[in-house]
Amino acid sequence: SAVEVANFLAVPRERVAVDVETDDIDPWLCGLRRIGIGTNTEAMLYAPLSVRGHALMPRHEIESCTRAIADYFKRQPRYDLHNGLGFDSIVLHRYGMPLLDERVFDTMIAHGVGNTSELPHGLDFLGSMYTDAQFW
């Protein structure tokens, strides 16, 4: 609900991971299904759109959540995203929740630099390399 989203975003955090899920591969045309924002101990999931393209929340709650997330992105000092600059930031901007580019740490770009540049850059591979999660 909008209240739960606002309550989660009210707590200051130094660093968060942001994940954006959409219904297409084109950031200029896709629908926004979900936004996950979390730390190493807790996470918030905002899900305005179903897999079949139906709204999961009333319009007023979607608008309220959009405002709360946009305000959060304005004050959050850093966000970690996978493909954040090439995809997620475009989608979020289109939906009224722009990221500040100077605060984005894009794991896909970071993994493509140096001795990791020849390795796969998918989130499944990176998750298994840098955490104790299994490759999926």
N, C-alpha and C. Protein backbone atom coordinates (compact mmCIF):
# COMPACT_ATOMS: atom_id res chain seq x y z
N SER A 1 0.83 -1.19 0.00
CA SER A 1 0.00 0.00 0.00
C SER A 1 0.88 1.25 0.00
N ALA A 2 0.28 2.38 -0.30
CA ALA A 2 1.00 3.65 -0.34
C ALA A 2 1.58 4.00 1.03
N VAL A 3 0.86 3.67 2.09
CA VAL A 3 1.34 3.95 3.45
C VAL A 3 2.60 3.14 3.75
N GLU A 4 2.60 1.85 3.39
CA GLU A 4 3.77 1.01 3.62
C GLU A 4 4.98 1.49 2.82
N VAL A 5 4.76 1.89 1.58
CA VAL A 5 5.84 2.43 0.76
C VAL A 5 6.40 3.70 1.41
N ALA A 6 5.53 4.62 1.80
CA ALA A 6 5.96 5.87 2.43
C ALA A 6 6.71 5.61 3.73
N ASN A 7 6.24 4.67 4.54
CA ASN A 7 6.91 4.35 5.81
C ASN A 7 8.31 3.80 5.58
N PHE A 8 8.46 2.90 4.61
CA PHE A 8 9.78 2.34 4.30
C PHE A 8 10.72 3.44 3.83
N LEU A 9 10.24 4.31 2.96
CA LEU A 9 11.09 5.35 2.37
C LEU A 9 11.39 6.48 3.34
N ALA A 10 10.69 6.57 4.46
CA ALA A 10 10.92 7.63 5.44
C ALA A 10 12.21 7.42 6.23
N VAL A 11 12.71 6.19 6.27
CA VAL A 11 13.92 5.88 7.03
C VAL A 11 15.16 6.21 6.20
N PRO A 12 16.05 7.09 6.71
CA PRO A 12 17.26 7.42 5.95
C PRO A 12 18.20 6.20 5.85
N ARG A 13 18.77 6.02 4.68
CA ARG A 13 19.71 4.93 4.45
C ARG A 13 20.88 5.48 3.64
N GLU A 14 22.07 5.00 3.93
CA GLU A 14 23.25 5.49 3.22
C GLU A 14 23.31 4.95 1.81
N ARG A 15 22.91 3.70 1.63
CA ARG A 15 23.05 3.04 0.33
C ARG A 15 21.94 2.03 0.16
N VAL A 16 21.32 2.01 -1.02
CA VAL A 16 20.25 1.05 -1.30
C VAL A 16 20.45 0.44 -2.68
N ALA A 17 19.91 -0.74 -2.84
CA ALA A 17 19.85 -1.37 -4.16
C ALA A 17 18.44 -1.14 -4.70
N VAL A 18 18.37 -0.85 -5.99
CA VAL A 18 17.09 -0.61 -6.66
C VAL A 18 17.00 -1.56 -7.83
N ASP A 19 15.85 -2.23 -7.96
CA ASP A 19 15.63 -3.12 -9.08
C ASP A 19 14.31 -2.73 -9.74
N VAL A 20 14.33 -2.61 -11.05
CA VAL A 20 13.16 -2.21 -11.82
C VAL A 20 12.78 -3.37 -12.73
N GLU A 21 11.52 -3.80 -12.67
CA GLU A 21 11.01 -4.86 -13.54
C GLU A 21 9.96 -4.25 -14.47
N THR A 22 10.02 -4.63 -15.73
CA THR A 22 9.12 -4.07 -16.74
C THR A 22 8.47 -5.20 -17.54
N ASP A 23 7.59 -4.81 -18.46
CA ASP A 23 6.92 -5.81 -19.30
C ASP A 23 7.48 -5.88 -20.72
N ASP A 24 8.61 -5.22 -20.96
CA ASP A 24 9.21 -5.24 -22.30
C ASP A 24 10.69 -4.90 -22.18
N ILE A 25 11.44 -5.06 -23.27
CA ILE A 25 12.87 -4.78 -23.26
C ILE A 25 13.21 -3.38 -23.77
N ASP A 26 12.22 -2.64 -24.22
CA ASP A 26 12.45 -1.28 -24.70
C ASP A 26 12.11 -0.29 -23.58
N PRO A 27 13.12 0.40 -23.01
CA PRO A 27 12.85 1.30 -21.88
C PRO A 27 11.96 2.48 -22.25
N TRP A 28 11.83 2.79 -23.53
CA TRP A 28 11.02 3.93 -23.98
C TRP A 28 9.55 3.56 -24.16
N LEU A 29 9.24 2.26 -24.21
CA LEU A 29 7.88 1.83 -24.47
C LEU A 29 7.29 0.91 -23.40
N CYS A 30 8.10 0.34 -22.55
CA CYS A 30 7.65 -0.68 -21.61
C CYS A 30 6.76 -0.13 -20.50
N GLY A 31 6.00 -1.05 -19.90
CA GLY A 31 5.22 -0.74 -18.71
C GLY A 31 6.03 -1.06 -17.47
N LEU A 32 5.80 -0.33 -16.42
CA LEU A 32 6.51 -0.54 -15.15
C LEU A 32 5.73 -1.54 -14.30
N ARG A 33 6.32 -2.71 -14.06
CA ARG A 33 5.65 -3.73 -13.25
C ARG A 33 5.97 -3.58 -11.77
N ARG A 34 7.27 -3.47 -11.45
CA ARG A 34 7.68 -3.44 -10.05
C ARG A 34 8.93 -2.61 -9.86
N ILE A 35 9.06 -2.08 -8.65
CA ILE A 35 10.30 -1.46 -8.19
C ILE A 35 10.60 -2.08 -6.84
N GLY A 36 11.78 -2.61 -6.69
CA GLY A 36 12.25 -3.11 -5.40
C GLY A 36 13.34 -2.19 -4.91
N ILE A 37 13.27 -1.80 -3.66
CA ILE A 37 14.30 -0.97 -3.04
C ILE A 37 14.67 -1.66 -1.73
N GLY A 38 15.97 -1.89 -1.52
CA GLY A 38 16.34 -2.60 -0.30
C GLY A 38 17.76 -2.38 0.14
N THR A 39 18.01 -2.87 1.34
CA THR A 39 19.33 -2.87 1.94
C THR A 39 19.72 -4.33 2.14
N ASN A 40 20.77 -4.57 2.90
CA ASN A 40 21.17 -5.95 3.16
C ASN A 40 20.26 -6.62 4.21
N THR A 41 19.34 -5.86 4.82
CA THR A 41 18.47 -6.44 5.85
C THR A 41 16.98 -6.30 5.58
N GLU A 42 16.57 -5.39 4.70
CA GLU A 42 15.14 -5.19 4.47
C GLU A 42 14.89 -4.67 3.06
N ALA A 43 13.67 -4.87 2.59
CA ALA A 43 13.33 -4.44 1.24
C ALA A 43 11.87 -4.02 1.17
N MET A 44 11.60 -3.17 0.18
CA MET A 44 10.26 -2.70 -0.11
C MET A 44 9.97 -3.03 -1.56
N LEU A 45 8.77 -3.53 -1.83
CA LEU A 45 8.38 -3.85 -3.20
C LEU A 45 7.14 -3.05 -3.55
N TYR A 46 7.24 -2.28 -4.63
CA TYR A 46 6.13 -1.51 -5.15
C TYR A 46 5.73 -2.19 -6.46
N ALA A 47 4.48 -2.66 -6.55
CA ALA A 47 4.05 -3.43 -7.72
C ALA A 47 2.75 -2.87 -8.28
N PRO A 48 2.83 -1.88 -9.18
CA PRO A 48 1.61 -1.28 -9.71
C PRO A 48 0.96 -2.06 -10.86
N LEU A 49 1.68 -3.00 -11.50
CA LEU A 49 1.18 -3.63 -12.72
C LEU A 49 1.34 -5.14 -12.65
N SER A 50 0.29 -5.86 -13.00
CA SER A 50 0.35 -7.33 -12.99
C SER A 50 1.11 -7.84 -14.21
N VAL A 51 1.40 -9.11 -14.19
CA VAL A 51 2.08 -9.76 -15.32
C VAL A 51 1.22 -9.66 -16.58
N ARG A 52 -0.08 -9.64 -16.43
CA ARG A 52 -0.99 -9.55 -17.58
C ARG A 52 -1.32 -8.11 -17.97
N GLY A 53 -0.71 -7.13 -17.30
CA GLY A 53 -0.88 -5.73 -17.68
C GLY A 53 -2.00 -4.99 -16.97
N HIS A 54 -2.59 -5.59 -15.94
CA HIS A 54 -3.67 -4.94 -15.20
C HIS A 54 -3.11 -4.20 -13.99
N ALA A 55 -3.68 -3.06 -13.65
CA ALA A 55 -3.26 -2.31 -12.47
C ALA A 55 -3.58 -3.11 -11.22
N LEU A 56 -2.63 -3.19 -10.31
CA LEU A 56 -2.81 -3.92 -9.06
C LEU A 56 -3.20 -2.99 -7.90
N MET A 57 -3.18 -1.70 -8.17
CA MET A 57 -3.48 -0.71 -7.13
C MET A 57 -4.42 0.33 -7.72
N PRO A 58 -5.23 0.96 -6.86
CA PRO A 58 -6.05 2.06 -7.37
C PRO A 58 -5.16 3.22 -7.85
N ARG A 59 -5.66 4.00 -8.79
CA ARG A 59 -4.91 5.11 -9.39
C ARG A 59 -4.35 6.07 -8.34
N HIS A 60 -5.14 6.41 -7.32
CA HIS A 60 -4.66 7.35 -6.30
C HIS A 60 -3.49 6.79 -5.50
N GLU A 61 -3.46 5.45 -5.29
CA GLU A 61 -2.31 4.85 -4.59
C GLU A 61 -1.08 4.82 -5.48
N ILE A 62 -1.25 4.55 -6.76
CA ILE A 62 -0.12 4.60 -7.70
C ILE A 62 0.48 6.00 -7.72
N GLU A 63 -0.37 7.02 -7.80
CA GLU A 63 0.12 8.41 -7.80
C GLU A 63 0.83 8.76 -6.50
N SER A 64 0.28 8.32 -5.38
CA SER A 64 0.90 8.58 -4.08
C SER A 64 2.26 7.89 -3.96
N CYS A 65 2.35 6.64 -4.40
CA CYS A 65 3.62 5.91 -4.36
C CYS A 65 4.64 6.55 -5.30
N THR A 66 4.20 6.96 -6.47
CA THR A 66 5.09 7.62 -7.42
C THR A 66 5.71 8.87 -6.80
N ARG A 67 4.88 9.68 -6.16
CA ARG A 67 5.40 10.90 -5.50
C ARG A 67 6.39 10.55 -4.39
N ALA A 68 6.05 9.55 -3.57
CA ALA A 68 6.93 9.16 -2.46
C ALA A 68 8.27 8.63 -2.96
N ILE A 69 8.25 7.80 -4.01
CA ILE A 69 9.50 7.25 -4.55
C ILE A 69 10.31 8.35 -5.23
N ALA A 70 9.66 9.25 -5.96
CA ALA A 70 10.38 10.37 -6.60
C ALA A 70 11.05 11.23 -5.55
N ASP A 71 10.36 11.55 -4.46
CA ASP A 71 10.95 12.34 -3.38
C ASP A 71 12.13 11.61 -2.74
N TYR A 72 11.98 10.29 -2.57
CA TYR A 72 13.04 9.48 -1.99
C TYR A 72 14.29 9.52 -2.87
N PHE A 73 14.12 9.37 -4.19
CA PHE A 73 15.26 9.40 -5.09
C PHE A 73 15.97 10.76 -5.06
N LYS A 74 15.24 11.83 -4.79
CA LYS A 74 15.86 13.16 -4.71
C LYS A 74 16.78 13.29 -3.49
N ARG A 75 16.46 12.61 -2.40
CA ARG A 75 17.24 12.78 -1.18
C ARG A 75 18.19 11.62 -0.87
N GLN A 76 18.03 10.50 -1.55
CA GLN A 76 18.88 9.32 -1.31
C GLN A 76 20.28 9.57 -1.85
N PRO A 77 21.34 9.39 -1.02
CA PRO A 77 22.69 9.71 -1.48
C PRO A 77 23.29 8.78 -2.53
N ARG A 78 22.85 7.52 -2.59
CA ARG A 78 23.42 6.58 -3.56
C ARG A 78 22.43 5.46 -3.82
N TYR A 79 22.38 5.02 -5.08
CA TYR A 79 21.57 3.86 -5.44
C TYR A 79 22.41 2.92 -6.28
N ASP A 80 22.32 1.64 -5.98
CA ASP A 80 23.01 0.61 -6.75
C ASP A 80 21.98 -0.07 -7.63
N LEU A 81 22.24 -0.10 -8.94
CA LEU A 81 21.33 -0.72 -9.90
C LEU A 81 22.12 -1.57 -10.87
N HIS A 82 21.47 -2.57 -11.43
CA HIS A 82 22.05 -3.37 -12.50
C HIS A 82 21.43 -2.88 -13.80
N ASN A 83 22.23 -2.27 -14.66
CA ASN A 83 21.77 -1.64 -15.89
C ASN A 83 20.95 -0.39 -15.57
N GLY A 84 21.37 0.31 -14.53
CA GLY A 84 20.66 1.49 -14.06
C GLY A 84 20.71 2.67 -15.00
N LEU A 85 21.84 2.91 -15.62
CA LEU A 85 21.96 4.08 -16.50
C LEU A 85 21.42 3.81 -17.89
N GLY A 86 21.54 2.59 -18.38
CA GLY A 86 21.12 2.30 -19.73
C GLY A 86 19.65 1.90 -19.87
N PHE A 87 19.01 1.55 -18.77
CA PHE A 87 17.62 1.08 -18.85
C PHE A 87 16.76 1.65 -17.72
N ASP A 88 17.09 1.29 -16.49
CA ASP A 88 16.24 1.64 -15.35
C ASP A 88 16.00 3.14 -15.21
N SER A 89 17.05 3.94 -15.38
CA SER A 89 16.87 5.39 -15.21
C SER A 89 15.93 5.97 -16.27
N ILE A 90 15.92 5.39 -17.45
CA ILE A 90 14.99 5.84 -18.50
C ILE A 90 13.56 5.51 -18.11
N VAL A 91 13.33 4.27 -17.67
CA VAL A 91 11.99 3.84 -17.26
C VAL A 91 11.50 4.69 -16.10
N LEU A 92 12.32 4.85 -15.08
CA LEU A 92 11.90 5.60 -13.90
C LEU A 92 11.60 7.06 -14.26
N HIS A 93 12.40 7.64 -15.12
CA HIS A 93 12.14 9.02 -15.56
C HIS A 93 10.79 9.11 -16.28
N ARG A 94 10.52 8.17 -17.17
CA ARG A 94 9.24 8.16 -17.89
C ARG A 94 8.05 8.08 -16.95
N TYR A 95 8.23 7.40 -15.82
CA TYR A 95 7.14 7.22 -14.86
C TYR A 95 7.17 8.25 -13.73
N GLY A 96 7.95 9.32 -13.89
CA GLY A 96 7.93 10.41 -12.93
C GLY A 96 8.78 10.22 -11.70
N MET A 97 9.76 9.31 -11.77
CA MET A 97 10.64 9.04 -10.63
C MET A 97 12.10 9.10 -11.06
N PRO A 98 12.57 10.26 -11.52
CA PRO A 98 13.93 10.32 -12.06
C PRO A 98 15.01 10.08 -11.01
N LEU A 99 16.06 9.39 -11.45
CA LEU A 99 17.26 9.20 -10.64
C LEU A 99 18.24 10.32 -10.96
N LEU A 100 19.06 10.67 -10.01
CA LEU A 100 20.14 11.62 -10.26
C LEU A 100 21.35 10.79 -10.69
N ASP A 101 21.78 10.96 -11.94
CA ASP A 101 22.84 10.12 -12.52
C ASP A 101 24.09 10.05 -11.66
N GLU A 102 24.47 11.16 -11.03
CA GLU A 102 25.71 11.17 -10.25
C GLU A 102 25.61 10.31 -8.99
N ARG A 103 24.41 9.86 -8.64
CA ARG A 103 24.22 9.02 -7.45
C ARG A 103 24.03 7.55 -7.80
N VAL A 104 24.02 7.23 -9.09
CA VAL A 104 23.79 5.86 -9.54
C VAL A 104 25.11 5.11 -9.62
N PHE A 105 25.16 3.93 -9.00
CA PHE A 105 26.26 2.99 -9.20
C PHE A 105 25.67 1.86 -10.03
N ASP A 106 26.11 1.74 -11.27
CA ASP A 106 25.58 0.76 -12.20
C ASP A 106 26.49 -0.47 -12.19
N THR A 107 26.00 -1.59 -11.66
CA THR A 107 26.83 -2.79 -11.54
C THR A 107 27.21 -3.38 -12.89
N MET A 108 26.37 -3.19 -13.91
CA MET A 108 26.71 -3.71 -15.23
C MET A 108 27.90 -2.95 -15.82
N ILE A 109 27.91 -1.65 -15.67
CA ILE A 109 29.05 -0.85 -16.15
C ILE A 109 30.29 -1.17 -15.33
N ALA A 110 30.15 -1.23 -14.01
CA ALA A 110 31.30 -1.50 -13.14
C ALA A 110 31.91 -2.86 -13.43
N HIS A 111 31.08 -3.85 -13.71
CA HIS A 111 31.59 -5.19 -13.97
C HIS A 111 32.28 -5.28 -15.33
N GLY A 112 31.99 -4.35 -16.22
CA GLY A 112 32.61 -4.36 -17.54
C GLY A 112 33.96 -3.67 -17.60
N VAL A 113 34.47 -3.24 -16.46
CA VAL A 113 35.75 -2.52 -16.41
C VAL A 113 36.80 -3.41 -15.75
N GLY A 114 38.00 -3.40 -16.27
CA GLY A 114 39.11 -4.13 -15.65
C GLY A 114 39.08 -5.61 -15.94
N ASN A 115 39.58 -6.40 -14.94
CA ASN A 115 39.76 -7.83 -15.18
C ASN A 115 38.45 -8.62 -15.21
N THR A 116 37.32 -7.99 -14.90
CA THR A 116 36.03 -8.69 -14.98
C THR A 116 35.33 -8.45 -16.32
N SER A 117 35.94 -7.70 -17.21
CA SER A 117 35.26 -7.30 -18.44
C SER A 117 34.92 -8.46 -19.37
N GLU A 118 35.62 -9.58 -19.27
CA GLU A 118 35.35 -10.71 -20.14
C GLU A 118 34.36 -11.70 -19.55
N LEU A 119 33.93 -11.49 -18.32
CA LEU A 119 32.99 -12.39 -17.66
C LEU A 119 31.56 -12.00 -18.02
N PRO A 120 30.59 -12.91 -17.82
CA PRO A 120 29.18 -12.55 -18.06
C PRO A 120 28.77 -11.39 -17.15
N HIS A 121 27.83 -10.58 -17.61
CA HIS A 121 27.40 -9.40 -16.85
C HIS A 121 25.97 -9.50 -16.34
N GLY A 122 25.34 -10.67 -16.49
CA GLY A 122 23.96 -10.83 -16.03
C GLY A 122 23.87 -10.81 -14.52
N LEU A 123 22.73 -10.36 -14.01
CA LEU A 123 22.52 -10.27 -12.57
C LEU A 123 22.62 -11.63 -11.91
N ASP A 124 22.18 -12.70 -12.59
CA ASP A 124 22.27 -14.04 -12.02
C ASP A 124 23.73 -14.44 -11.77
N PHE A 125 24.61 -14.14 -12.73
CA PHE A 125 26.02 -14.46 -12.57
C PHE A 125 26.66 -13.59 -11.50
N LEU A 126 26.40 -12.29 -11.54
CA LEU A 126 26.99 -11.39 -10.56
C LEU A 126 26.55 -11.72 -9.14
N GLY A 127 25.28 -12.04 -8.99
CA GLY A 127 24.79 -12.42 -7.67
C GLY A 127 25.51 -13.63 -7.12
N SER A 128 25.76 -14.62 -7.97
CA SER A 128 26.44 -15.83 -7.52
C SER A 128 27.94 -15.59 -7.29
N MET A 129 28.51 -14.61 -7.97
CA MET A 129 29.93 -14.31 -7.79
C MET A 129 30.22 -13.51 -6.51
N TYR A 130 29.36 -12.58 -6.19
CA TYR A 130 29.66 -11.62 -5.12
C TYR A 130 28.83 -11.80 -3.85
N THR A 131 27.94 -12.79 -3.84
CA THR A 131 27.17 -13.11 -2.63
C THR A 131 27.18 -14.61 -2.46
N ASP A 132 26.49 -15.09 -1.45
CA ASP A 132 26.39 -16.53 -1.26
C ASP A 132 25.17 -17.13 -1.96
N ALA A 133 24.53 -16.35 -2.83
CA ALA A 133 23.38 -16.84 -3.59
C ALA A 133 23.83 -17.83 -4.66
N GLN A 134 23.00 -18.81 -4.93
CA GLN A 134 23.28 -19.78 -6.00
C GLN A 134 23.01 -19.14 -7.35
N PHE A 135 23.73 -19.58 -8.37
CA PHE A 135 23.47 -19.14 -9.75
C PHE A 135 22.07 -19.62 -10.12
N TRP A 136 21.25 -18.78 -10.72
CA TRP A 136 19.88 -19.17 -11.09
C TRP A 136 19.63 -19.02 -12.57
